[in-house]
């Protein structure tokens, strides 16, 4: 039936591969999503995103632990 076809072809936004919020990168759910997650581009972007978030997190921890009243 047409409804089952539409349900099977639902799109999913990949937050890793979306570089511009106004233009989300969308992939069909199911097999295409699984294949997409295994692509070289997705894996490289995932590593980059993970490094950026851990870098920001460590910078925030440094700013929090640094004593603003000390001279050092």
C-alpha atoms as a PDB file:
ATOM      1  CA  UNK A   1       0.000   0.000   0.000  1.00  0.00           C
ATOM      2  CA  UNK A   2       1.165   3.592  -0.541  1.00  0.00           C
ATOM      3  CA  UNK A   3       1.185   4.328   3.189  1.00  0.00           C
ATOM      4  CA  UNK A   4       3.526   1.450   3.945  1.00  0.00           C
ATOM      5  CA  UNK A   5       5.858   2.665   1.190  1.00  0.00           C
ATOM      6  CA  UNK A   6       5.877   6.181   2.664  1.00  0.00           C
ATOM      7  CA  UNK A   7       6.532   4.814   6.147  1.00  0.00           C
ATOM      8  CA  UNK A   8       9.393   2.709   4.836  1.00  0.00           C
ATOM      9  CA  UNK A   9      10.963   5.715   3.120  1.00  0.00           C
ATOM     10  CA  UNK A  10      10.980   8.097   6.067  1.00  0.00           C
ATOM     11  CA  UNK A  11      14.004  10.350   6.165  1.00  0.00           C
ATOM     12  CA  UNK A  12      16.323  10.770   9.111  1.00  0.00           C
ATOM     13  CA  UNK A  13      18.577  13.786   9.712  1.00  0.00           C
ATOM     14  CA  UNK A  14      22.227  12.943  10.274  1.00  0.00           C
ATOM     15  CA  UNK A  15      23.494  15.390  12.913  1.00  0.00           C
ATOM     16  CA  UNK A  16      27.103  14.436  12.157  1.00  0.00           C
ATOM     17  CA  UNK A  17      26.943  15.198   8.440  1.00  0.00           C
ATOM     18  CA  UNK A  18      24.717  18.274   8.740  1.00  0.00           C
ATOM     19  CA  UNK A  19      27.139  21.171   8.357  1.00  0.00           C
ATOM     20  CA  UNK A  20      24.521  23.915   7.934  1.00  0.00           C
ATOM     21  CA  UNK A  21      21.423  23.859  10.180  1.00  0.00           C
ATOM     22  CA  UNK A  22      19.302  25.338   7.394  1.00  0.00           C
ATOM     23  CA  UNK A  23      20.217  22.449   5.088  1.00  0.00           C
ATOM     24  CA  UNK A  24      20.069  19.197   7.063  1.00  0.00           C
ATOM     25  CA  UNK A  25      21.639  16.087   5.560  1.00  0.00           C
ATOM     26  CA  UNK A  26      18.836  13.546   5.287  1.00  0.00           C
ATOM     27  CA  UNK A  27      19.036   9.812   4.648  1.00  0.00           C
ATOM     28  CA  UNK A  28      16.279   7.226   4.307  1.00  0.00           C
ATOM     29  CA  UNK A  29      15.838   5.084   7.400  1.00  0.00           C
ATOM     30  CA  UNK A  30      16.694   1.422   7.336  1.00  0.00           C
ATOM     31  CA  UNK A  31      19.364  -0.013   5.102  1.00  0.00           C
ATOM     32  CA  UNK A  32      20.414   3.345   3.615  1.00  0.00           C
ATOM     33  CA  UNK A  33      20.954   4.778   7.108  1.00  0.00           C
ATOM     34  CA  UNK A  34      23.080   1.779   8.086  1.00  0.00           C
ATOM     35  CA  UNK A  35      25.141   2.091   4.913  1.00  0.00           C
ATOM     36  CA  UNK A  36      25.513   5.852   5.412  1.00  0.00           C
ATOM     37  CA  UNK A  37      26.843   5.440   8.965  1.00  0.00           C
ATOM     38  CA  UNK A  38      29.579   3.167   7.619  1.00  0.00           C
ATOM     39  CA  UNK A  39      30.773   5.577   4.919  1.00  0.00           C
ATOM     40  CA  UNK A  40      34.212   7.130   5.145  1.00  0.00           C
ATOM     41  CA  UNK A  41      32.823  10.680   5.126  1.00  0.00           C
ATOM     42  CA  UNK A  42      30.427  10.020   8.014  1.00  0.00           C
ATOM     43  CA  UNK A  43      33.089   8.254  10.088  1.00  0.00           C
ATOM     44  CA  UNK A  44      35.621  11.050   9.565  1.00  0.00           C
ATOM     45  CA  UNK A  45      33.091  13.743  10.424  1.00  0.00           C
ATOM     46  CA  UNK A  46      32.049  11.769  13.523  1.00  0.00           C
ATOM     47  CA  UNK A  47      35.652  11.721  14.745  1.00  0.00           C
ATOM     48  CA  UNK A  48      35.964  15.446  14.072  1.00  0.00           C
ATOM     49  CA  UNK A  49      32.713  16.213  15.924  1.00  0.00           C
ATOM     50  CA  UNK A  50      33.811  14.057  18.854  1.00  0.00           C
ATOM     51  CA  UNK A  51      37.182  15.837  19.033  1.00  0.00           C
ATOM     52  CA  UNK A  52      35.527  19.263  18.858  1.00  0.00           C
ATOM     53  CA  UNK A  53      33.085  18.467  21.660  1.00  0.00           C
ATOM     54  CA  UNK A  54      35.775  16.965  23.907  1.00  0.00           C
ATOM     55  CA  UNK A  55      38.021  19.945  23.164  1.00  0.00           C
ATOM     56  CA  UNK A  56      35.257  22.385  24.137  1.00  0.00           C
ATOM     57  CA  UNK A  57      34.468  20.348  27.242  1.00  0.00           C
ATOM     58  CA  UNK A  58      38.107  20.344  28.421  1.00  0.00           C
ATOM     59  CA  UNK A  59      38.384  24.094  27.758  1.00  0.00           C
ATOM     60  CA  UNK A  60      35.281  24.691  29.876  1.00  0.00           C
ATOM     61  CA  UNK A  61      36.698  22.546  32.688  1.00  0.00           C
ATOM     62  CA  UNK A  62      39.950  24.520  32.573  1.00  0.00           C
ATOM     63  CA  UNK A  63      38.042  27.797  32.778  1.00  0.00           C
ATOM     64  CA  UNK A  64      35.968  26.518  35.695  1.00  0.00           C
ATOM     65  CA  UNK A  65      38.897  25.115  37.687  1.00  0.00           C
ATOM     66  CA  UNK A  66      41.108  28.151  37.169  1.00  0.00           C
ATOM     67  CA  UNK A  67      40.953  30.476  40.181  1.00  0.00           C
ATOM     68  CA  UNK A  68      40.106  33.976  38.919  1.00  0.00           C
ATOM     69  CA  UNK A  69      41.624  35.578  42.030  1.00  0.00           C
ATOM     70  CA  UNK A  70      45.074  34.024  41.639  1.00  0.00           C
ATOM     71  CA  UNK A  71      47.942  35.738  39.849  1.00  0.00           C
ATOM     72  CA  UNK A  72      49.042  32.594  37.990  1.00  0.00           C
END
